[in-house]
Amino acid sequence: MKLFRMAAVLAVLAGPAYAQMPNINLLQDGPSKTPEEKAAEAEREKAYKETLKKIPDTKASNDPWGGMRSDPPKQPAPKASAATGAPKKTKTGTAAN
């Protein structure tokens, strides 16, 4: 009975250790490919590379918030009253923001 308990304890402890072992695949590609499969794969690869060449290289702005900003404020044109010599009005009060 003691032997059975020891075997059960070892089996329970060995389970997690076995699960952590890497799964090694010695047959990477499996059986070798036939010449037809190799030719088809080469044709697919060629078509893929030609398709990639057709995609234009875009030089996009690196400003993610560019569309969110408004245009910079424009300089106001000189007023006609400044040219006539009218006195400027000054603001009174505090500038509390």
Protein backbone atom coordinates (compact mmCIF):
# COMPACT_ATOMS: atom_id res chain seq x y z
CA MET A 1 0.00 0.00 0.00
CA LYS A 2 2.89 2.35 0.77
CA LEU A 3 4.36 1.65 -2.61
CA PHE A 4 1.07 2.54 -4.32
CA ARG A 5 0.87 5.87 -2.43
CA MET A 6 4.45 6.76 -3.37
CA ALA A 7 3.76 6.00 -7.03
CA ALA A 8 0.64 8.20 -6.94
CA VAL A 9 2.54 11.09 -5.30
CA LEU A 10 5.34 10.85 -7.86
CA ALA A 11 2.82 10.80 -10.71
CA VAL A 12 1.07 13.90 -9.34
CA LEU A 13 4.37 15.75 -8.93
CA ALA A 14 5.70 14.71 -12.33
CA GLY A 15 2.64 16.03 -14.23
CA PRO A 16 3.42 19.76 -13.98
CA ALA A 17 7.13 19.16 -14.63
CA TYR A 18 6.30 17.24 -17.81
CA ALA A 19 3.98 20.03 -18.97
CA GLN A 20 6.81 22.57 -18.79
CA MET A 21 9.14 20.62 -21.07
CA PRO A 22 9.57 22.09 -24.57
CA ASN A 23 7.92 20.32 -27.45
CA ILE A 24 10.76 19.47 -29.83
CA ASN A 25 9.80 18.64 -33.40
CA LEU A 26 12.61 16.76 -35.10
CA LEU A 27 10.80 16.68 -38.45
CA GLN A 28 10.67 20.40 -39.24
CA ASP A 29 9.08 20.31 -42.69
CA GLY A 30 7.75 16.81 -42.56
CA PRO A 31 8.26 14.71 -45.68
CA SER A 32 10.13 16.42 -48.49
CA LYS A 33 8.04 18.35 -51.00
CA THR A 34 7.47 17.21 -54.53
CA PRO A 35 8.89 19.27 -57.41
CA GLU A 36 5.37 20.46 -58.27
CA GLU A 37 4.83 21.71 -54.70
CA LYS A 38 8.20 23.47 -54.75
CA ALA A 39 7.37 25.15 -58.07
CA ALA A 40 3.95 26.24 -56.80
CA GLU A 41 5.50 27.67 -53.65
CA ALA A 42 8.13 29.55 -55.68
CA GLU A 43 5.39 30.99 -57.92
CA ARG A 44 3.37 32.13 -54.88
CA GLU A 45 6.48 33.74 -53.39
CA LYS A 46 7.22 35.55 -56.69
CA ALA A 47 3.64 36.84 -56.96
CA TYR A 48 3.76 38.02 -53.34
CA LYS A 49 6.99 39.97 -53.89
CA GLU A 50 5.62 41.56 -57.08
CA THR A 51 2.50 42.63 -55.20
CA LEU A 52 4.63 44.22 -52.49
CA LYS A 53 6.50 46.23 -55.12
CA LYS A 54 3.21 47.69 -56.38
CA ILE A 55 2.40 49.26 -53.00
CA PRO A 56 3.51 52.91 -53.08
CA ASP A 57 5.78 54.24 -50.36
CA THR A 58 3.86 56.94 -48.54
CA LYS A 59 5.72 59.60 -46.64
CA ALA A 60 3.02 60.31 -44.09
CA SER A 61 3.37 62.94 -41.43
CA ASN A 62 4.54 61.64 -38.09
CA ASP A 63 2.09 63.90 -36.26
CA PRO A 64 -0.79 61.82 -34.85
CA TRP A 65 -2.61 64.93 -33.55
CA GLY A 66 -2.18 66.94 -36.76
CA GLY A 67 -5.84 66.64 -37.73
CA MET A 68 -7.02 67.76 -34.30
CA ARG A 69 -5.25 71.14 -34.29
CA SER A 70 -6.78 74.19 -35.87
CA ASP A 71 -4.80 76.49 -38.13
CA PRO A 72 -2.45 78.87 -36.33
CA PRO A 73 -4.02 82.24 -35.53
CA LYS A 74 -3.63 84.75 -38.32
CA GLN A 75 -2.13 88.18 -37.71
CA PRO A 76 -4.88 90.83 -37.59
CA ALA A 77 -4.73 93.46 -40.31
CA PRO A 78 -3.96 96.99 -39.13
CA LYS A 79 -7.15 98.84 -38.27
CA ALA A 80 -8.21 102.02 -40.03
CA SER A 81 -8.67 103.77 -36.66
CA ALA A 82 -4.96 103.33 -35.87
CA ALA A 83 -4.11 105.11 -39.10
CA THR A 84 -6.44 108.02 -38.31
CA GLY A 85 -4.89 108.58 -34.90
CA ALA A 86 -7.87 107.56 -32.75
CA PRO A 87 -6.88 106.76 -29.14
CA LYS A 88 -6.57 103.08 -28.23
CA LYS A 89 -8.94 101.64 -25.71
CA THR A 90 -7.30 99.81 -22.84
CA LYS A 91 -8.84 96.97 -20.95
CA THR A 92 -9.73 97.49 -17.34
CA GLY A 93 -10.04 94.90 -14.62
CA THR A 94 -8.07 91.77 -13.86
CA ALA A 95 -7.14 89.03 -16.23
CA ALA A 96 -8.33 85.99 -14.29
CA ASN A 97 -8.34 82.79 -16.25
